Amino acid sequence: MSERKNFNVAVVGATGMVGRTILQVLKDRSFPIDSLYLFSSKKSAGQKVEFNGKDYIVEELTETSFDRDIDVALFSAGGTISEKFAPIAASKGVVVIDNSSHWRMDKDIPLIVPEVNGETAFKNNGIIANPNCSTIQSVVPLRPLHDKFKIKRIIYNTYQAVSGSGVKGVADLENGTCENYPYPIAKNCLPHIDVFLENGYTKEEMKMIEETNKILEDDSIKVTATTVRVPIKNSHAVSINLEFEKPFEIEEIFELLKNADGVVLQDDVKNLVYPLEETANGKDEVFVGRIRRDFSVENGINFWCVADNIRKGAATNTVQIAELIVSRL
């Protein structure tokens, strides 16, 4: 455990949806902060942000922003910003935890979900990547199942809320417009998140595929995904189909998930108990239910997984990584 009591923290992208939620999670989890620095684009600089009863003025992010005593910097300002400024911060001795997709598949950058591969976070060269929101909530329940029965294949089907697109996505849902999406999200489910690639998958789908293998540290797992944007304001749901190498009893699956770190089991179908997006809103846990055997294969299961994509899928996971890092400073 760290001998220090408090730490100097920077939040980059502090005025955005995830940045503001990071500040809320830091407060909710009583993160031990000494000095707090808030950075943003020139456009948002000068805004006043309240944190723990004190007002902070947001500064413009520049190449000299990290020329001060900062222990950890939580980045949520997009890939272009992270590409330029994360190495600058790391060169000054700051540990960067980055929410963008830019560093995730870099072989030298750890990709971390604390409940799944927390120890890997300490094998960093100053930058740690935060995974995609849907990947995060999926791998939390997958970890104990993989350890016990070895996952052979994963099929993901996601139902992703508009908050995953930021304020513009939320505005499209609430206003019935299509400024952010190609079709009105208020009336449709769109099997289209991020850009389409030459292989026919979207970038979001490939993120889930590649990140799952990296986080579970097993490239032998076959993964496929279909990601869908749905007219829900917040919290993502994922239908997960698994095929194991080893046989199992369904009671073992329930027991493993009931005791899994970061998982809340909600599965009582006789009483219509299963995870809902509304249940997950504002929570940091991953909610799992609808667990059942897949009778179409020898060793398969299906289950339903829901989490708050802005908290656990972004802000909370980032803060949890920071908690790990400062525990050894």
C-alpha atoms as a PDB file:
ATOM      1  CA  MET A   1       0.000   0.000   0.000  1.00  0.00           C
ATOM      2  CA  SER A   2       1.067   3.552  -0.655  1.00  0.00           C
ATOM      3  CA  GLU A   3       2.546   5.498   2.253  1.00  0.00           C
ATOM      4  CA  ARG A   4       1.320   8.763   0.752  1.00  0.00           C
ATOM      5  CA  LYS A   5      -2.079  10.059   1.734  1.00  0.00           C
ATOM      6  CA  ASN A   6      -3.047  12.314  -1.171  1.00  0.00           C
ATOM      7  CA  PHE A   7      -2.128  12.695  -4.826  1.00  0.00           C
ATOM      8  CA  ASN A   8      -2.053  15.344  -7.522  1.00  0.00           C
ATOM      9  CA  VAL A   9      -4.574  14.553 -10.252  1.00  0.00           C
ATOM     10  CA  ALA A  10      -5.237  16.049 -13.686  1.00  0.00           C
ATOM     11  CA  VAL A  11      -8.393  15.508 -15.738  1.00  0.00           C
ATOM     12  CA  VAL A  12      -8.014  16.171 -19.466  1.00  0.00           C
ATOM     13  CA  GLY A  13     -11.322  16.801 -21.210  1.00  0.00           C
ATOM     14  CA  ALA A  14     -12.827  17.912 -17.927  1.00  0.00           C
ATOM     15  CA  THR A  15     -15.854  19.666 -19.442  1.00  0.00           C
ATOM     16  CA  GLY A  16     -17.058  16.740 -21.572  1.00  0.00           C
ATOM     17  CA  MET A  17     -19.629  14.107 -20.616  1.00  0.00           C
ATOM     18  CA  VAL A  18     -17.060  11.525 -19.506  1.00  0.00           C
ATOM     19  CA  GLY A  19     -14.756  14.137 -17.976  1.00  0.00           C
ATOM     20  CA  ARG A  20     -17.513  15.463 -15.747  1.00  0.00           C
ATOM     21  CA  THR A  21     -18.450  11.915 -14.795  1.00  0.00           C
ATOM     22  CA  ILE A  22     -14.816  11.199 -13.902  1.00  0.00           C
ATOM     23  CA  LEU A  23     -14.991  14.114 -11.471  1.00  0.00           C
ATOM     24  CA  GLN A  24     -18.208  12.727 -10.004  1.00  0.00           C
ATOM     25  CA  VAL A  25     -16.679   9.257  -9.612  1.00  0.00           C
ATOM     26  CA  LEU A  26     -13.545  10.701  -7.990  1.00  0.00           C
ATOM     27  CA  LYS A  27     -15.870  12.352  -5.495  1.00  0.00           C
ATOM     28  CA  ASP A  28     -18.108   9.309  -5.029  1.00  0.00           C
ATOM     29  CA  ARG A  29     -15.146   7.018  -4.382  1.00  0.00           C
ATOM     30  CA  SER A  30     -13.344   9.543  -2.130  1.00  0.00           C
ATOM     31  CA  PHE A  31     -10.203   9.448  -4.258  1.00  0.00           C
ATOM     32  CA  PRO A  32      -7.327  10.882  -2.188  1.00  0.00           C
ATOM     33  CA  ILE A  33      -6.663  14.188  -3.968  1.00  0.00           C
ATOM     34  CA  ASP A  34      -4.245  16.861  -2.887  1.00  0.00           C
ATOM     35  CA  SER A  35      -4.169  19.155  -5.942  1.00  0.00           C
ATOM     36  CA  LEU A  36      -6.621  18.888  -8.852  1.00  0.00           C
ATOM     37  CA  TYR A  37      -5.957  20.305 -12.327  1.00  0.00           C
ATOM     38  CA  LEU A  38      -8.632  20.499 -15.026  1.00  0.00           C
ATOM     39  CA  PHE A  39      -7.731  20.814 -18.708  1.00  0.00           C
ATOM     40  CA  SER A  40      -9.756  21.225 -21.890  1.00  0.00           C
ATOM     41  CA  SER A  41      -9.656  22.718 -25.363  1.00  0.00           C
ATOM     42  CA  LYS A  42      -9.141  26.447 -25.826  1.00  0.00           C
ATOM     43  CA  LYS A  43     -12.885  26.746 -26.533  1.00  0.00           C
ATOM     44  CA  SER A  44     -13.864  25.370 -23.108  1.00  0.00           C
ATOM     45  CA  ALA A  45     -11.005  26.890 -21.114  1.00  0.00           C
ATOM     46  CA  GLY A  46     -12.031  29.391 -18.476  1.00  0.00           C
ATOM     47  CA  GLN A  47     -15.135  27.502 -17.404  1.00  0.00           C
ATOM     48  CA  LYS A  48     -15.711  27.120 -13.689  1.00  0.00           C
ATOM     49  CA  VAL A  49     -16.224  23.571 -12.406  1.00  0.00           C
ATOM     50  CA  GLU A  50     -17.206  22.704  -8.844  1.00  0.00           C
ATOM     51  CA  PHE A  51     -15.567  19.744  -7.133  1.00  0.00           C
ATOM     52  CA  ASN A  52     -15.996  18.822  -3.473  1.00  0.00           C
ATOM     53  CA  GLY A  53     -17.298  22.262  -2.608  1.00  0.00           C
ATOM     54  CA  LYS A  54     -14.472  24.134  -4.319  1.00  0.00           C
ATOM     55  CA  ASP A  55     -14.532  25.925  -7.682  1.00  0.00           C
ATOM     56  CA  TYR A  56     -11.807  25.160 -10.224  1.00  0.00           C
ATOM     57  CA  ILE A  57     -11.039  27.097 -13.391  1.00  0.00           C
ATOM     58  CA  VAL A  58     -10.529  24.886 -16.428  1.00  0.00           C
ATOM     59  CA  GLU A  59      -7.200  25.529 -18.168  1.00  0.00           C
ATOM     60  CA  GLU A  60      -6.380  25.181 -21.847  1.00  0.00           C
ATOM     61  CA  LEU A  61      -4.331  22.039 -22.483  1.00  0.00           C
ATOM     62  CA  THR A  62      -0.880  22.955 -23.797  1.00  0.00           C
ATOM     63  CA  GLU A  63       2.518  21.311 -24.118  1.00  0.00           C
ATOM     64  CA  THR A  64       3.560  22.870 -20.801  1.00  0.00           C
ATOM     65  CA  SER A  65       0.455  21.804 -18.837  1.00  0.00           C
ATOM     66  CA  PHE A  66       2.335  18.940 -17.192  1.00  0.00           C
ATOM     67  CA  ASP A  67       5.318  21.027 -16.112  1.00  0.00           C
ATOM     68  CA  ARG A  68       4.155  20.707 -12.509  1.00  0.00           C
ATOM     69  CA  ASP A  69       3.845  18.010  -9.890  1.00  0.00           C
ATOM     70  CA  ILE A  70       1.122  15.685 -11.205  1.00  0.00           C
ATOM     71  CA  ASP A  71       0.908  12.009 -10.279  1.00  0.00           C
ATOM     72  CA  VAL A  72      -1.860  10.758 -12.571  1.00  0.00           C
ATOM     73  CA  ALA A  73      -3.680  12.272 -15.528  1.00  0.00           C
ATOM     74  CA  LEU A  74      -7.073  10.945 -16.580  1.00  0.00           C
ATOM     75  CA  PHE A  75      -7.563  11.622 -20.289  1.00  0.00           C
ATOM     76  CA  SER A  76     -10.975  11.786 -21.957  1.00  0.00           C
ATOM     77  CA  ALA A  77     -10.515  14.160 -24.862  1.00  0.00           C
ATOM     78  CA  GLY A  78     -10.314  11.943 -27.968  1.00  0.00           C
ATOM     79  CA  GLY A  79      -7.588  10.078 -29.809  1.00  0.00           C
ATOM     80  CA  THR A  80      -5.901  13.033 -31.484  1.00  0.00           C
ATOM     81  CA  ILE A  81      -5.384  14.793 -28.147  1.00  0.00           C
ATOM     82  CA  SER A  82      -4.177  11.595 -26.489  1.00  0.00           C
ATOM     83  CA  GLU A  83      -1.763  10.831 -29.298  1.00  0.00           C
ATOM     84  CA  LYS A  84      -0.078  14.219 -28.877  1.00  0.00           C
ATOM     85  CA  PHE A  85      -0.317  14.952 -25.163  1.00  0.00           C
ATOM     86  CA  ALA A  86      -0.183  11.548 -23.423  1.00  0.00           C
ATOM     87  CA  PRO A  87       3.504  11.012 -24.316  1.00  0.00           C
ATOM     88  CA  ILE A  88       4.300  14.555 -23.191  1.00  0.00           C
ATOM     89  CA  ALA A  89       2.675  13.905 -19.819  1.00  0.00           C
ATOM     90  CA  ALA A  90       4.371  10.507 -19.487  1.00  0.00           C
ATOM     91  CA  SER A  91       7.760  12.073 -20.238  1.00  0.00           C
ATOM     92  CA  LYS A  92       7.243  14.321 -17.189  1.00  0.00           C
ATOM     93  CA  GLY A  93       6.682  11.328 -14.891  1.00  0.00           C
ATOM     94  CA  VAL A  94       2.879  11.461 -15.001  1.00  0.00           C
ATOM     95  CA  VAL A  95       0.975   8.174 -15.281  1.00  0.00           C
ATOM     96  CA  VAL A  96      -1.632   8.683 -18.006  1.00  0.00           C
ATOM     97  CA  ILE A  97      -4.872   6.691 -18.039  1.00  0.00           C
ATOM     98  CA  ASP A  98      -6.411   7.228 -21.448  1.00  0.00           C
ATOM     99  CA  ASN A  99     -10.048   6.751 -22.471  1.00  0.00           C
ATOM    100  CA  SER A 100      -9.537   7.071 -26.215  1.00  0.00           C
ATOM    101  CA  SER A 101      -9.042   4.144 -28.576  1.00  0.00           C
ATOM    102  CA  HIS A 102      -5.653   5.416 -29.737  1.00  0.00           C
ATOM    103  CA  TRP A 103      -3.373   3.363 -27.469  1.00  0.00           C
ATOM    104  CA  ARG A 104      -5.546   0.308 -26.816  1.00  0.00           C
ATOM    105  CA  MET A 105      -4.002  -2.123 -29.268  1.00  0.00           C
ATOM    106  CA  ASP A 106      -0.435  -0.877 -28.887  1.00  0.00           C
ATOM    107  CA  LYS A 107       1.523  -3.943 -27.754  1.00  0.00           C
ATOM    108  CA  ASP A 108       3.527  -1.849 -25.289  1.00  0.00           C
ATOM    109  CA  ILE A 109       0.490  -0.236 -23.635  1.00  0.00           C
ATOM    110  CA  PRO A 110      -1.493  -2.223 -21.036  1.00  0.00           C
ATOM    111  CA  LEU A 111      -5.264  -2.366 -21.633  1.00  0.00           C
ATOM    112  CA  ILE A 112      -6.859  -2.631 -18.220  1.00  0.00           C
ATOM    113  CA  VAL A 113     -10.075  -3.631 -16.491  1.00  0.00           C
ATOM    114  CA  PRO A 114      -9.072  -3.806 -12.804  1.00  0.00           C
ATOM    115  CA  GLU A 115     -11.325  -6.769 -11.917  1.00  0.00           C
ATOM    116  CA  VAL A 116      -9.892  -8.719 -14.856  1.00  0.00           C
ATOM    117  CA  ASN A 117      -6.192  -7.931 -15.338  1.00  0.00           C
ATOM    118  CA  GLY A 118      -5.324  -5.315 -12.744  1.00  0.00           C
ATOM    119  CA  GLU A 119      -1.747  -6.447 -12.157  1.00  0.00           C
ATOM    120  CA  THR A 120      -0.918  -5.795 -15.799  1.00  0.00           C
ATOM    121  CA  ALA A 121      -1.452  -2.077 -15.149  1.00  0.00           C
ATOM    122  CA  PHE A 122       1.911  -1.916 -13.400  1.00  0.00           C
ATOM    123  CA  LYS A 123       3.712  -3.014 -16.585  1.00  0.00           C
ATOM    124  CA  ASN A 124       3.349   0.457 -18.043  1.00  0.00           C
ATOM    125  CA  ASN A 125       5.743   2.998 -19.510  1.00  0.00           C
ATOM    126  CA  GLY A 126       3.647   5.930 -18.362  1.00  0.00           C
ATOM    127  CA  ILE A 127       0.496   5.260 -20.404  1.00  0.00           C
ATOM    128  CA  ILE A 128      -2.380   2.882 -19.596  1.00  0.00           C
ATOM    129  CA  ALA A 129      -5.343   2.403 -21.932  1.00  0.00           C
ATOM    130  CA  ASN A 130      -8.976   2.183 -20.867  1.00  0.00           C
ATOM    131  CA  PRO A 131     -10.938  -0.269 -23.073  1.00  0.00           C
ATOM    132  CA  ASN A 132     -14.082   0.271 -25.107  1.00  0.00           C
ATOM    133  CA  CYS A 133     -17.213   0.606 -22.973  1.00  0.00           C
ATOM    134  CA  SER A 134     -18.925  -2.570 -24.214  1.00  0.00           C
ATOM    135  CA  THR A 135     -15.711  -4.566 -23.908  1.00  0.00           C
ATOM    136  CA  ILE A 136     -15.259  -3.491 -20.289  1.00  0.00           C
ATOM    137  CA  GLN A 137     -18.645  -4.691 -19.101  1.00  0.00           C
ATOM    138  CA  SER A 138     -18.334  -7.938 -21.054  1.00  0.00           C
ATOM    139  CA  VAL A 139     -14.932  -9.092 -19.834  1.00  0.00           C
ATOM    140  CA  VAL A 140     -15.757  -8.544 -16.145  1.00  0.00           C
ATOM    141  CA  PRO A 141     -18.036 -11.628 -16.025  1.00  0.00           C
ATOM    142  CA  LEU A 142     -15.950 -13.474 -18.624  1.00  0.00           C
ATOM    143  CA  ARG A 143     -12.811 -13.579 -16.481  1.00  0.00           C
ATOM    144  CA  PRO A 144     -13.923 -16.185 -13.895  1.00  0.00           C
ATOM    145  CA  LEU A 145     -15.678 -18.241 -16.565  1.00  0.00           C
ATOM    146  CA  HIS A 146     -12.567 -18.336 -18.734  1.00  0.00           C
ATOM    147  CA  ASP A 147     -10.367 -19.247 -15.776  1.00  0.00           C
ATOM    148  CA  LYS A 148     -12.583 -22.207 -14.870  1.00  0.00           C
ATOM    149  CA  PHE A 149     -13.862 -23.576 -18.179  1.00  0.00           C
ATOM    150  CA  LYS A 150     -11.643 -21.941 -20.862  1.00  0.00           C
ATOM    151  CA  ILE A 151     -13.664 -19.974 -23.366  1.00  0.00           C
ATOM    152  CA  LYS A 152     -13.419 -21.286 -26.906  1.00  0.00           C
ATOM    153  CA  ARG A 153     -15.698 -18.843 -28.714  1.00  0.00           C
ATOM    154  CA  ILE A 154     -17.620 -15.607 -27.940  1.00  0.00           C
ATOM    155  CA  ILE A 155     -20.548 -14.098 -29.835  1.00  0.00           C
ATOM    156  CA  TYR A 156     -21.411 -10.538 -28.786  1.00  0.00           C
ATOM    157  CA  ASN A 157     -24.620  -8.729 -29.698  1.00  0.00           C
ATOM    158  CA  THR A 158     -24.800  -5.273 -28.165  1.00  0.00           C
ATOM    159  CA  TYR A 159     -27.638  -2.863 -27.443  1.00  0.00           C
ATOM    160  CA  GLN A 160     -25.815   0.415 -26.913  1.00  0.00           C
ATOM    161  CA  ALA A 161     -27.309   3.615 -25.528  1.00  0.00           C
ATOM    162  CA  VAL A 162     -27.025   6.981 -27.252  1.00  0.00           C
ATOM    163  CA  SER A 163     -24.906   8.427 -24.432  1.00  0.00           C
ATOM    164  CA  GLY A 164     -22.097   6.397 -25.958  1.00  0.00           C
ATOM    165  CA  SER A 165     -22.148   8.971 -28.779  1.00  0.00           C
ATOM    166  CA  GLY A 166     -21.903  11.880 -26.353  1.00  0.00           C
ATOM    167  CA  VAL A 167     -24.228  14.854 -26.031  1.00  0.00           C
ATOM    168  CA  LYS A 168     -25.039  14.863 -29.754  1.00  0.00           C
ATOM    169  CA  GLY A 169     -26.372  11.334 -29.574  1.00  0.00           C
ATOM    170  CA  VAL A 170     -28.516  12.159 -26.568  1.00  0.00           C
ATOM    171  CA  ALA A 171     -29.840  15.251 -28.365  1.00  0.00           C
ATOM    172  CA  ASP A 172     -30.870  13.163 -31.377  1.00  0.00           C
ATOM    173  CA  LEU A 173     -32.885  10.837 -29.150  1.00  0.00           C
ATOM    174  CA  GLU A 174     -34.506  13.584 -27.105  1.00  0.00           C
ATOM    175  CA  ASN A 175     -35.256  15.894 -30.045  1.00  0.00           C
ATOM    176  CA  GLY A 176     -36.160  13.292 -32.658  1.00  0.00           C
ATOM    177  CA  THR A 177     -33.435  14.615 -34.964  1.00  0.00           C
ATOM    178  CA  CYS A 178     -30.658  12.861 -36.874  1.00  0.00           C
ATOM    179  CA  GLU A 179     -27.781  15.304 -36.591  1.00  0.00           C
ATOM    180  CA  ASN A 180     -25.457  12.619 -35.211  1.00  0.00           C
ATOM    181  CA  TYR A 181     -26.880   9.418 -36.743  1.00  0.00           C
ATOM    182  CA  PRO A 182     -27.741   8.585 -40.376  1.00  0.00           C
ATOM    183  CA  TYR A 183     -31.338   7.796 -39.382  1.00  0.00           C
ATOM    184  CA  PRO A 184     -33.589   8.989 -36.514  1.00  0.00           C
ATOM    185  CA  ILE A 185     -32.476   6.970 -33.489  1.00  0.00           C
ATOM    186  CA  ALA A 186     -35.759   7.755 -31.712  1.00  0.00           C
ATOM    187  CA  LYS A 187     -37.530   5.388 -34.130  1.00  0.00           C
ATOM    188  CA  ASN A 188     -34.828   2.864 -34.959  1.00  0.00           C
ATOM    189  CA  CYS A 189     -32.192   0.423 -33.798  1.00  0.00           C
ATOM    190  CA  LEU A 190     -29.105   1.067 -35.904  1.00  0.00           C
ATOM    191  CA  PRO A 191     -26.720  -1.855 -36.586  1.00  0.00           C
ATOM    192  CA  HIS A 192     -24.017   0.723 -37.175  1.00  0.00           C
ATOM    193  CA  ILE A 193     -21.643   2.073 -34.516  1.00  0.00           C
ATOM    194  CA  ASP A 194     -18.531   3.902 -35.726  1.00  0.00           C
ATOM    195  CA  VAL A 195     -17.372   3.534 -39.337  1.00  0.00           C
ATOM    196  CA  PHE A 196     -17.693   0.481 -41.563  1.00  0.00           C
ATOM    197  CA  LEU A 197     -14.445  -1.277 -42.437  1.00  0.00           C
ATOM    198  CA  GLU A 198     -13.470  -3.174 -45.587  1.00  0.00           C
ATOM    199  CA  ASN A 199     -14.221  -6.512 -43.902  1.00  0.00           C
ATOM    200  CA  GLY A 200     -17.869  -5.518 -43.410  1.00  0.00           C
ATOM    201  CA  TYR A 201     -17.557  -5.052 -39.655  1.00  0.00           C
ATOM    202  CA  THR A 202     -17.778  -1.689 -37.942  1.00  0.00           C
ATOM    203  CA  LYS A 203     -14.846  -0.265 -36.048  1.00  0.00           C
ATOM    204  CA  GLU A 204     -16.809  -0.736 -32.811  1.00  0.00           C
ATOM    205  CA  GLU A 205     -17.215  -4.443 -33.531  1.00  0.00           C
ATOM    206  CA  MET A 206     -13.516  -4.890 -34.220  1.00  0.00           C
ATOM    207  CA  LYS A 207     -12.686  -3.041 -31.000  1.00  0.00           C
ATOM    208  CA  MET A 208     -14.675  -5.596 -29.003  1.00  0.00           C
ATOM    209  CA  ILE A 209     -13.076  -8.514 -30.838  1.00  0.00           C
ATOM    210  CA  GLU A 210      -9.467  -7.381 -30.547  1.00  0.00           C
ATOM    211  CA  GLU A 211      -9.705  -5.888 -27.055  1.00  0.00           C
ATOM    212  CA  THR A 212     -11.277  -9.028 -25.600  1.00  0.00           C
ATOM    213  CA  ASN A 213      -8.341 -11.133 -26.764  1.00  0.00           C
ATOM    214  CA  LYS A 214      -5.821  -8.623 -25.402  1.00  0.00           C
ATOM    215  CA  ILE A 215      -7.457  -8.193 -21.993  1.00  0.00           C
ATOM    216  CA  LEU A 216      -7.993 -11.930 -21.444  1.00  0.00           C
ATOM    217  CA  GLU A 217      -4.467 -12.496 -22.807  1.00  0.00           C
ATOM    218  CA  ASP A 218      -5.638 -15.334 -25.035  1.00  0.00           C
ATOM    219  CA  ASP A 219      -5.608 -14.965 -28.812  1.00  0.00           C
ATOM    220  CA  SER A 220      -6.959 -18.488 -29.218  1.00  0.00           C
ATOM    221  CA  ILE A 221     -10.463 -17.321 -28.239  1.00  0.00           C
ATOM    222  CA  LYS A 222     -12.598 -16.853 -31.356  1.00  0.00           C
ATOM    223  CA  VAL A 223     -14.661 -13.674 -31.043  1.00  0.00           C
ATOM    224  CA  THR A 224     -17.323 -12.109 -33.249  1.00  0.00           C
ATOM    225  CA  ALA A 225     -19.614  -9.148 -32.630  1.00  0.00           C
ATOM    226  CA  THR A 226     -22.600  -7.179 -33.902  1.00  0.00           C
ATOM    227  CA  THR A 227     -22.950  -3.782 -32.247  1.00  0.00           C
ATOM    228  CA  VAL A 228     -26.270  -1.927 -32.348  1.00  0.00           C
ATOM    229  CA  ARG A 229     -27.245   1.588 -31.278  1.00  0.00           C
ATOM    230  CA  VAL A 230     -30.661   1.592 -29.590  1.00  0.00           C
ATOM    231  CA  PRO A 231     -33.045   4.394 -28.504  1.00  0.00           C
ATOM    232  CA  ILE A 232     -32.036   4.234 -24.845  1.00  0.00           C
ATOM    233  CA  LYS A 233     -30.459   7.277 -23.173  1.00  0.00           C
ATOM    234  CA  ASN A 234     -27.893   5.507 -20.980  1.00  0.00           C
ATOM    235  CA  SER A 235     -26.470   2.059 -20.102  1.00  0.00           C
ATOM    236  CA  HIS A 236     -25.397  -0.594 -22.579  1.00  0.00           C
ATOM    237  CA  ALA A 237     -26.673  -4.159 -22.731  1.00  0.00           C
ATOM    238  CA  VAL A 238     -24.798  -7.069 -24.289  1.00  0.00           C
ATOM    239  CA  SER A 239     -26.167 -10.500 -25.145  1.00  0.00           C
ATOM    240  CA  ILE A 240     -23.228 -12.871 -24.764  1.00  0.00           C
ATOM    241  CA  ASN A 241     -22.986 -16.410 -26.130  1.00  0.00           C
ATOM    242  CA  LEU A 242     -20.060 -18.511 -24.966  1.00  0.00           C
ATOM    243  CA  GLU A 243     -18.704 -21.877 -25.973  1.00  0.00           C
ATOM    244  CA  PHE A 244     -16.331 -23.516 -23.495  1.00  0.00           C
ATOM    245  CA  GLU A 245     -13.680 -26.164 -23.988  1.00  0.00           C
ATOM    246  CA  LYS A 246     -14.591 -27.847 -20.698  1.00  0.00           C
ATOM    247  CA  PRO A 247     -17.968 -29.252 -19.602  1.00  0.00           C
ATOM    248  CA  PHE A 248     -19.887 -27.542 -16.789  1.00  0.00           C
ATOM    249  CA  GLU A 249     -22.991 -27.666 -14.669  1.00  0.00           C
ATOM    250  CA  ILE A 250     -25.216 -24.601 -15.002  1.00  0.00           C
ATOM    251  CA  GLU A 251     -25.179 -24.224 -11.198  1.00  0.00           C
ATOM    252  CA  GLU A 252     -21.421 -23.686 -11.427  1.00  0.00           C
ATOM    253  CA  ILE A 253     -21.939 -20.770 -13.795  1.00  0.00           C
ATOM    254  CA  PHE A 254     -24.389 -19.140 -11.400  1.00  0.00           C
ATOM    255  CA  GLU A 255     -22.025 -19.631  -8.477  1.00  0.00           C
ATOM    256  CA  LEU A 256     -19.023 -18.174 -10.300  1.00  0.00           C
ATOM    257  CA  LEU A 257     -20.906 -15.084 -11.436  1.00  0.00           C
ATOM    258  CA  LYS A 258     -22.558 -14.615  -8.068  1.00  0.00           C
ATOM    259  CA  ASN A 259     -19.107 -14.322  -6.491  1.00  0.00           C
ATOM    260  CA  ALA A 260     -17.314 -12.511  -9.332  1.00  0.00           C
ATOM    261  CA  ASP A 261     -15.615  -9.221  -8.496  1.00  0.00           C
ATOM    262  CA  GLY A 262     -17.634  -6.290  -9.839  1.00  0.00           C
ATOM    263  CA  VAL A 263     -20.633  -8.410 -10.877  1.00  0.00           C
ATOM    264  CA  VAL A 264     -24.190  -8.236  -9.536  1.00  0.00           C
ATOM    265  CA  LEU A 265     -26.245 -11.325 -10.345  1.00  0.00           C
ATOM    266  CA  GLN A 266     -29.912 -10.603 -11.111  1.00  0.00           C
ATOM    267  CA  ASP A 267     -31.432 -13.818 -12.366  1.00  0.00           C
ATOM    268  CA  ASP A 268     -34.840 -15.002 -11.176  1.00  0.00           C
ATOM    269  CA  VAL A 269     -36.894 -15.442 -14.323  1.00  0.00           C
ATOM    270  CA  LYS A 270     -39.855 -16.922 -12.457  1.00  0.00           C
ATOM    271  CA  ASN A 271     -40.278 -13.498 -10.871  1.00  0.00           C
ATOM    272  CA  LEU A 272     -39.180 -11.587 -13.986  1.00  0.00           C
ATOM    273  CA  VAL A 273     -35.899 -10.523 -12.412  1.00  0.00           C
ATOM    274  CA  TYR A 274     -33.161  -9.707 -14.901  1.00  0.00           C
ATOM    275  CA  PRO A 275     -30.849  -6.720 -15.514  1.00  0.00           C
ATOM    276  CA  LEU A 276     -32.308  -3.553 -17.018  1.00  0.00           C
ATOM    277  CA  GLU A 277     -30.628  -0.417 -18.305  1.00  0.00           C
ATOM    278  CA  GLU A 278     -32.541   1.583 -15.709  1.00  0.00           C
ATOM    279  CA  THR A 279     -31.104  -0.619 -12.949  1.00  0.00           C
ATOM    280  CA  ALA A 280     -27.531   0.007 -14.066  1.00  0.00           C
ATOM    281  CA  ASN A 281     -27.835   3.801 -14.393  1.00  0.00           C
ATOM    282  CA  GLY A 282     -25.529   5.537 -11.947  1.00  0.00           C
ATOM    283  CA  LYS A 283     -23.984   2.265 -10.779  1.00  0.00           C
ATOM    284  CA  ASP A 284     -20.399   1.036 -11.037  1.00  0.00           C
ATOM    285  CA  GLU A 285     -21.114  -2.693 -11.172  1.00  0.00           C
ATOM    286  CA  VAL A 286     -21.871  -5.005 -14.089  1.00  0.00           C
ATOM    287  CA  PHE A 287     -25.311  -6.633 -13.859  1.00  0.00           C
ATOM    288  CA  VAL A 288     -25.742 -10.173 -15.210  1.00  0.00           C
ATOM    289  CA  GLY A 289     -28.797 -12.391 -15.722  1.00  0.00           C
ATOM    290  CA  ARG A 290     -30.786 -14.594 -18.141  1.00  0.00           C
ATOM    291  CA  ILE A 291     -28.119 -17.280 -17.685  1.00  0.00           C
ATOM    292  CA  ARG A 292     -28.998 -20.452 -19.553  1.00  0.00           C
ATOM    293  CA  ARG A 293     -27.387 -23.330 -21.363  1.00  0.00           C
ATOM    294  CA  ASP A 294     -26.982 -23.081 -25.133  1.00  0.00           C
ATOM    295  CA  PHE A 295     -28.264 -26.455 -26.275  1.00  0.00           C
ATOM    296  CA  SER A 296     -27.032 -25.954 -29.847  1.00  0.00           C
ATOM    297  CA  VAL A 297     -23.424 -26.699 -28.862  1.00  0.00           C
ATOM    298  CA  GLU A 298     -21.791 -29.134 -26.467  1.00  0.00           C
ATOM    299  CA  ASN A 299     -20.534 -26.665 -23.851  1.00  0.00           C
ATOM    300  CA  GLY A 300     -22.316 -23.365 -24.368  1.00  0.00           C
ATOM    301  CA  ILE A 301     -24.220 -20.702 -22.431  1.00  0.00           C
ATOM    302  CA  ASN A 302     -26.095 -17.457 -23.075  1.00  0.00           C
ATOM    303  CA  PHE A 303     -26.371 -14.539 -20.684  1.00  0.00           C
ATOM    304  CA  TRP A 304     -27.438 -10.892 -20.558  1.00  0.00           C
ATOM    305  CA  CYS A 305     -25.071  -8.200 -19.297  1.00  0.00           C
ATOM    306  CA  VAL A 306     -25.898  -4.543 -18.501  1.00  0.00           C
ATOM    307  CA  ALA A 307     -23.758  -1.659 -17.237  1.00  0.00           C
ATOM    308  CA  ASP A 308     -23.682   2.135 -17.123  1.00  0.00           C
ATOM    309  CA  ASN A 309     -21.468   2.884 -20.123  1.00  0.00           C
ATOM    310  CA  ILE A 310     -20.461   6.346 -18.927  1.00  0.00           C
ATOM    311  CA  ARG A 311     -19.526   5.153 -15.435  1.00  0.00           C
ATOM    312  CA  LYS A 312     -18.182   1.587 -15.536  1.00  0.00           C
ATOM    313  CA  GLY A 313     -17.725   1.763 -19.299  1.00  0.00           C
ATOM    314  CA  ALA A 314     -15.509   4.839 -19.058  1.00  0.00           C
ATOM    315  CA  ALA A 315     -15.186   7.054 -15.970  1.00  0.00           C
ATOM    316  CA  THR A 316     -15.322   4.491 -13.168  1.00  0.00           C
ATOM    317  CA  ASN A 317     -12.948   2.078 -14.867  1.00  0.00           C
ATOM    318  CA  THR A 318     -10.510   4.968 -15.376  1.00  0.00           C
ATOM    319  CA  VAL A 319     -10.681   5.937 -11.700  1.00  0.00           C
ATOM    320  CA  GLN A 320     -10.321   2.306 -10.622  1.00  0.00           C
ATOM    321  CA  ILE A 321      -7.093   2.090 -12.634  1.00  0.00           C
ATOM    322  CA  ALA A 322      -5.909   5.301 -10.975  1.00  0.00           C
ATOM    323  CA  GLU A 323      -6.683   3.779  -7.570  1.00  0.00           C
ATOM    324  CA  LEU A 324      -4.496   0.815  -8.457  1.00  0.00           C
ATOM    325  CA  ILE A 325      -1.623   3.017  -9.557  1.00  0.00           C
ATOM    326  CA  VAL A 326      -1.591   5.335  -6.534  1.00  0.00           C
ATOM    327  CA  SER A 327      -1.764   2.329  -4.209  1.00  0.00           C
ATOM    328  CA  ARG A 328       1.912   1.747  -5.039  1.00  0.00           C
ATOM    329  CA  LEU A 329       3.174   5.311  -5.356  1.00  0.00           C
END
